[in-house]
Amino acid sequence: NFSAVQQQVASGALEDPHIVRITSRDPAPPPAEYVAGSRGMFLDMTIHDFDMTRFLSGSEVTEVHAYGAVLVDPEIGKAGDIDTAVISLKFANGALGIIENSRKAVYGY
């Protein structure tokens, strides 16, 4: 689990991570009503991945480059949101991060 990995890094049992990669996917797109009431994919879904990359790297993010698109469900785009995102991160300690998000993965999470 994430906590065990972070503890091993903090104790020196594992070297500091050079790259932190997180992939998050929903098994199916959310209902249109949910999307309309959410504050967007980045604040609804990706924010948890930002927290996890900071936790695992032990460092703060200093640079972010984010790309989003509507590739899964046109209704999500009509609501003003995206359903697919790729984010690259740079941390204060020099590590790099990659976050991938999608509102649909046929295989589940």
N, C-alpha and C. Protein backbone atom coordinates (compact mmCIF):
# COMPACT_ATOMS: atom_id res chain seq x y z
N ASN A 1 0.83 -1.19 0.00
CA ASN A 1 0.00 0.00 0.00
C ASN A 1 0.88 1.25 0.00
N PHE A 2 0.24 2.39 -0.28
CA PHE A 2 0.99 3.64 -0.42
C PHE A 2 1.73 4.02 0.85
N SER A 3 1.10 3.81 1.98
CA SER A 3 1.72 4.18 3.25
C SER A 3 2.99 3.37 3.51
N ALA A 4 2.95 2.08 3.21
CA ALA A 4 4.12 1.23 3.41
C ALA A 4 5.27 1.66 2.49
N VAL A 5 4.96 2.01 1.26
CA VAL A 5 6.00 2.48 0.33
C VAL A 5 6.61 3.77 0.86
N GLN A 6 5.77 4.70 1.29
CA GLN A 6 6.28 5.98 1.80
C GLN A 6 7.14 5.76 3.03
N GLN A 7 6.75 4.86 3.91
CA GLN A 7 7.54 4.57 5.11
C GLN A 7 8.90 3.98 4.76
N GLN A 8 8.94 3.13 3.74
CA GLN A 8 10.21 2.54 3.32
C GLN A 8 11.13 3.60 2.71
N VAL A 9 10.56 4.52 1.95
CA VAL A 9 11.36 5.61 1.40
C VAL A 9 11.89 6.48 2.54
N ALA A 10 11.01 6.85 3.47
CA ALA A 10 11.41 7.71 4.59
C ALA A 10 12.48 7.07 5.47
N SER A 11 12.43 5.74 5.61
CA SER A 11 13.40 5.05 6.47
C SER A 11 14.73 4.78 5.77
N GLY A 12 14.76 4.96 4.45
CA GLY A 12 15.97 4.67 3.69
C GLY A 12 16.03 3.25 3.16
N ALA A 13 15.01 2.44 3.46
CA ALA A 13 14.98 1.06 2.94
C ALA A 13 14.85 1.06 1.42
N LEU A 14 14.18 2.07 0.89
CA LEU A 14 14.10 2.29 -0.56
C LEU A 14 14.74 3.64 -0.86
N GLU A 15 15.40 3.73 -1.99
CA GLU A 15 15.98 5.02 -2.39
C GLU A 15 14.87 6.01 -2.70
N ASP A 16 15.22 7.29 -2.66
CA ASP A 16 14.25 8.32 -3.03
C ASP A 16 13.76 8.06 -4.45
N PRO A 17 12.46 8.16 -4.67
CA PRO A 17 11.94 7.92 -6.02
C PRO A 17 12.41 9.01 -6.98
N HIS A 18 12.76 8.59 -8.16
CA HIS A 18 13.15 9.53 -9.22
C HIS A 18 11.94 9.91 -10.05
N ILE A 19 11.03 8.95 -10.23
CA ILE A 19 9.79 9.17 -10.98
C ILE A 19 8.64 8.58 -10.18
N VAL A 20 7.59 9.37 -10.03
CA VAL A 20 6.36 8.90 -9.40
C VAL A 20 5.29 8.91 -10.49
N ARG A 21 4.70 7.75 -10.75
CA ARG A 21 3.68 7.64 -11.80
C ARG A 21 2.40 7.10 -11.19
N ILE A 22 1.32 7.82 -11.41
CA ILE A 22 0.02 7.40 -10.91
C ILE A 22 -0.96 7.37 -12.07
N THR A 23 -1.68 6.27 -12.17
CA THR A 23 -2.72 6.10 -13.18
C THR A 23 -4.04 5.89 -12.46
N SER A 24 -5.01 6.76 -12.73
CA SER A 24 -6.34 6.64 -12.13
C SER A 24 -7.37 6.63 -13.24
N ARG A 25 -8.25 5.66 -13.17
CA ARG A 25 -9.31 5.55 -14.17
C ARG A 25 -10.61 5.14 -13.48
N ASP A 26 -11.70 5.68 -13.96
CA ASP A 26 -13.01 5.23 -13.51
C ASP A 26 -13.46 4.09 -14.42
N PRO A 27 -14.24 3.13 -13.90
CA PRO A 27 -14.68 2.03 -14.75
C PRO A 27 -15.66 2.47 -15.83
N ALA A 28 -16.40 3.55 -15.59
CA ALA A 28 -17.36 4.07 -16.57
C ALA A 28 -17.50 5.57 -16.33
N PRO A 29 -17.87 6.32 -17.37
CA PRO A 29 -18.05 7.76 -17.18
C PRO A 29 -19.15 8.02 -16.14
N PRO A 30 -19.03 9.11 -15.39
CA PRO A 30 -20.07 9.44 -14.43
C PRO A 30 -21.32 9.95 -15.14
N PRO A 31 -22.46 9.92 -14.45
CA PRO A 31 -23.69 10.47 -15.04
C PRO A 31 -23.54 11.97 -15.31
N ALA A 32 -24.26 12.46 -16.29
CA ALA A 32 -24.20 13.88 -16.66
C ALA A 32 -24.55 14.77 -15.47
N GLU A 33 -25.49 14.33 -14.62
CA GLU A 33 -25.87 15.12 -13.45
C GLU A 33 -24.69 15.29 -12.50
N TYR A 34 -23.90 14.26 -12.37
CA TYR A 34 -22.73 14.33 -11.49
C TYR A 34 -21.71 15.32 -12.06
N VAL A 35 -21.44 15.21 -13.34
CA VAL A 35 -20.46 16.10 -13.98
C VAL A 35 -20.90 17.55 -13.85
N ALA A 36 -22.19 17.81 -14.05
CA ALA A 36 -22.70 19.18 -13.97
C ALA A 36 -22.51 19.77 -12.58
N GLY A 37 -22.56 18.93 -11.55
CA GLY A 37 -22.40 19.42 -10.18
C GLY A 37 -20.98 19.37 -9.65
N SER A 38 -20.10 18.71 -10.38
CA SER A 38 -18.71 18.62 -9.91
C SER A 38 -17.97 19.89 -10.28
N ARG A 39 -16.78 20.04 -9.77
CA ARG A 39 -15.98 21.21 -10.09
C ARG A 39 -14.92 20.89 -11.14
N GLY A 40 -15.15 19.83 -11.89
CA GLY A 40 -14.24 19.45 -12.96
C GLY A 40 -13.35 18.29 -12.56
N MET A 41 -12.84 17.63 -13.57
CA MET A 41 -12.04 16.42 -13.36
C MET A 41 -10.82 16.66 -12.47
N PHE A 42 -10.15 17.80 -12.67
CA PHE A 42 -8.93 18.05 -11.90
C PHE A 42 -9.23 18.17 -10.40
N LEU A 43 -10.32 18.85 -10.04
CA LEU A 43 -10.66 19.01 -8.63
C LEU A 43 -11.44 17.82 -8.08
N ASP A 44 -12.09 17.09 -8.95
CA ASP A 44 -12.90 15.95 -8.53
C ASP A 44 -12.07 14.67 -8.38
N MET A 45 -11.11 14.49 -9.26
CA MET A 45 -10.39 13.22 -9.35
C MET A 45 -8.89 13.40 -9.18
N THR A 46 -8.31 14.28 -9.96
CA THR A 46 -6.86 14.41 -10.03
C THR A 46 -6.25 14.96 -8.74
N ILE A 47 -7.01 15.75 -8.00
CA ILE A 47 -6.48 16.35 -6.77
C ILE A 47 -5.94 15.29 -5.82
N HIS A 48 -6.60 14.13 -5.77
CA HIS A 48 -6.14 13.04 -4.90
C HIS A 48 -4.80 12.49 -5.38
N ASP A 49 -4.62 12.46 -6.69
CA ASP A 49 -3.36 11.98 -7.26
C ASP A 49 -2.23 12.97 -6.99
N PHE A 50 -2.53 14.27 -7.03
CA PHE A 50 -1.52 15.27 -6.66
C PHE A 50 -1.07 15.03 -5.22
N ASP A 51 -2.03 14.83 -4.33
CA ASP A 51 -1.69 14.57 -2.93
C ASP A 51 -0.80 13.34 -2.80
N MET A 52 -1.14 12.28 -3.53
CA MET A 52 -0.39 11.03 -3.42
C MET A 52 1.03 11.19 -3.97
N THR A 53 1.21 11.93 -5.06
CA THR A 53 2.57 12.12 -5.58
C THR A 53 3.42 12.89 -4.59
N ARG A 54 2.84 13.87 -3.93
CA ARG A 54 3.58 14.64 -2.92
C ARG A 54 3.94 13.75 -1.74
N PHE A 55 3.01 12.91 -1.32
CA PHE A 55 3.22 11.99 -0.21
C PHE A 55 4.34 11.00 -0.53
N LEU A 56 4.29 10.41 -1.71
CA LEU A 56 5.27 9.39 -2.08
C LEU A 56 6.65 9.97 -2.37
N SER A 57 6.69 11.15 -2.98
CA SER A 57 7.98 11.76 -3.31
C SER A 57 8.61 12.45 -2.11
N GLY A 58 7.80 12.82 -1.13
CA GLY A 58 8.32 13.56 0.02
C GLY A 58 8.74 14.97 -0.33
N SER A 59 8.16 15.50 -1.41
CA SER A 59 8.58 16.81 -1.90
C SER A 59 7.39 17.56 -2.46
N GLU A 60 7.51 18.87 -2.51
CA GLU A 60 6.44 19.70 -3.07
C GLU A 60 6.61 19.84 -4.58
N VAL A 61 5.51 20.01 -5.26
CA VAL A 61 5.50 20.22 -6.71
C VAL A 61 5.91 21.66 -6.99
N THR A 62 6.84 21.82 -7.95
CA THR A 62 7.27 23.17 -8.33
C THR A 62 6.84 23.54 -9.75
N GLU A 63 6.55 22.55 -10.58
CA GLU A 63 6.10 22.81 -11.95
C GLU A 63 5.03 21.81 -12.33
N VAL A 64 4.03 22.30 -13.08
CA VAL A 64 2.94 21.45 -13.55
C VAL A 64 2.66 21.77 -15.01
N HIS A 65 2.51 20.74 -15.81
CA HIS A 65 2.05 20.87 -17.19
C HIS A 65 0.90 19.89 -17.35
N ALA A 66 -0.27 20.40 -17.72
CA ALA A 66 -1.45 19.55 -17.79
C ALA A 66 -2.10 19.65 -19.17
N TYR A 67 -2.53 18.50 -19.65
CA TYR A 67 -3.24 18.41 -20.91
C TYR A 67 -4.53 17.66 -20.67
N GLY A 68 -5.63 18.18 -21.17
CA GLY A 68 -6.91 17.52 -21.02
C GLY A 68 -7.65 17.48 -22.34
N ALA A 69 -8.51 16.49 -22.48
CA ALA A 69 -9.29 16.34 -23.70
C ALA A 69 -10.59 15.61 -23.39
N VAL A 70 -11.51 15.71 -24.33
CA VAL A 70 -12.74 14.93 -24.27
C VAL A 70 -12.59 13.82 -25.30
N LEU A 71 -12.26 12.62 -24.84
CA LEU A 71 -12.01 11.48 -25.72
C LEU A 71 -12.95 10.32 -25.46
N VAL A 72 -13.71 10.38 -24.37
CA VAL A 72 -14.53 9.25 -23.95
C VAL A 72 -16.02 9.52 -24.14
N ASP A 73 -16.50 10.64 -23.61
CA ASP A 73 -17.94 10.92 -23.57
C ASP A 73 -18.20 12.37 -23.96
N PRO A 74 -18.78 12.61 -25.14
CA PRO A 74 -19.05 13.98 -25.57
C PRO A 74 -19.94 14.76 -24.60
N GLU A 75 -20.78 14.07 -23.84
CA GLU A 75 -21.65 14.75 -22.87
C GLU A 75 -20.83 15.44 -21.78
N ILE A 76 -19.71 14.85 -21.43
CA ILE A 76 -18.83 15.48 -20.44
C ILE A 76 -18.28 16.79 -21.00
N GLY A 77 -17.91 16.79 -22.26
CA GLY A 77 -17.45 18.01 -22.91
C GLY A 77 -18.53 19.07 -22.97
N LYS A 78 -19.77 18.66 -23.23
CA LYS A 78 -20.89 19.61 -23.28
C LYS A 78 -21.11 20.26 -21.92
N ALA A 79 -20.75 19.56 -20.86
CA ALA A 79 -20.88 20.11 -19.50
C ALA A 79 -19.69 21.01 -19.15
N GLY A 80 -18.74 21.15 -20.08
CA GLY A 80 -17.60 22.03 -19.85
C GLY A 80 -16.42 21.38 -19.16
N ASP A 81 -16.41 20.05 -19.16
CA ASP A 81 -15.33 19.34 -18.47
C ASP A 81 -14.55 18.49 -19.48
N ILE A 82 -13.54 17.82 -18.98
CA ILE A 82 -12.74 16.89 -19.77
C ILE A 82 -12.92 15.49 -19.18
N ASP A 83 -12.54 14.48 -19.94
CA ASP A 83 -12.64 13.11 -19.42
C ASP A 83 -11.31 12.36 -19.47
N THR A 84 -10.29 13.00 -20.00
CA THR A 84 -8.98 12.37 -20.12
C THR A 84 -7.91 13.44 -19.84
N ALA A 85 -6.91 13.07 -19.05
CA ALA A 85 -5.86 14.05 -18.73
C ALA A 85 -4.51 13.37 -18.54
N VAL A 86 -3.48 14.10 -18.90
CA VAL A 86 -2.10 13.71 -18.63
C VAL A 86 -1.42 14.92 -18.01
N ILE A 87 -0.79 14.71 -16.86
CA ILE A 87 -0.14 15.79 -16.14
C ILE A 87 1.31 15.41 -15.87
N SER A 88 2.22 16.32 -16.17
CA SER A 88 3.63 16.08 -15.81
C SER A 88 3.99 17.04 -14.68
N LEU A 89 4.80 16.54 -13.76
CA LEU A 89 5.16 17.29 -12.56
C LEU A 89 6.66 17.32 -12.37
N LYS A 90 7.14 18.39 -11.78
CA LYS A 90 8.52 18.46 -11.33
C LYS A 90 8.47 18.83 -9.85
N PHE A 91 9.28 18.13 -9.05
CA PHE A 91 9.29 18.33 -7.61
C PHE A 91 10.51 19.13 -7.18
N ALA A 92 10.42 19.73 -6.01
CA ALA A 92 11.52 20.54 -5.47
C ALA A 92 12.80 19.72 -5.31
N ASN A 93 12.67 18.42 -5.04
CA ASN A 93 13.86 17.58 -4.85
C ASN A 93 14.42 17.05 -6.17
N GLY A 94 13.85 17.50 -7.30
CA GLY A 94 14.34 17.09 -8.61
C GLY A 94 13.61 15.91 -9.22
N ALA A 95 12.80 15.21 -8.43
CA ALA A 95 12.04 14.07 -8.96
C ALA A 95 11.00 14.55 -9.97
N LEU A 96 10.55 13.62 -10.80
CA LEU A 96 9.53 13.91 -11.80
C LEU A 96 8.30 13.07 -11.51
N GLY A 97 7.16 13.56 -11.97
CA GLY A 97 5.91 12.82 -11.77
C GLY A 97 5.06 12.83 -13.01
N ILE A 98 4.26 11.79 -13.14
CA ILE A 98 3.32 11.66 -14.24
C ILE A 98 2.00 11.18 -13.65
N ILE A 99 0.93 11.88 -13.98
CA ILE A 99 -0.41 11.45 -13.59
C ILE A 99 -1.23 11.27 -14.85
N GLU A 100 -1.89 10.12 -14.96
CA GLU A 100 -2.81 9.85 -16.06
C GLU A 100 -4.19 9.62 -15.49
N ASN A 101 -5.19 10.29 -16.04
CA ASN A 101 -6.57 10.11 -15.60
C ASN A 101 -7.48 9.88 -16.80
N SER A 102 -8.48 9.04 -16.58
CA SER A 102 -9.51 8.82 -17.59
C SER A 102 -10.82 8.52 -16.89
N ARG A 103 -11.90 8.99 -17.45
CA ARG A 103 -13.23 8.72 -16.90
C ARG A 103 -13.77 7.37 -17.34
N LYS A 104 -12.99 6.62 -18.11
CA LYS A 104 -13.46 5.30 -18.52
C LYS A 104 -12.29 4.36 -18.76
N ALA A 105 -12.38 3.20 -18.16
CA ALA A 105 -11.45 2.11 -18.44
C ALA A 105 -12.29 0.84 -18.43
N VAL A 106 -12.33 0.15 -19.54
CA VAL A 106 -13.20 -1.02 -19.63
C VAL A 106 -12.79 -2.11 -18.65
N TYR A 107 -11.55 -2.07 -18.18
CA TYR A 107 -11.08 -3.08 -17.23
C TYR A 107 -11.30 -2.64 -15.78
N GLY A 108 -11.84 -1.45 -15.55
CA GLY A 108 -12.07 -0.96 -14.19
C GLY A 108 -10.95 -0.08 -13.72
N TYR A 109 -10.76 0.00 -12.41
CA TYR A 109 -9.77 0.91 -11.83
C TYR A 109 -8.38 0.49 -12.22
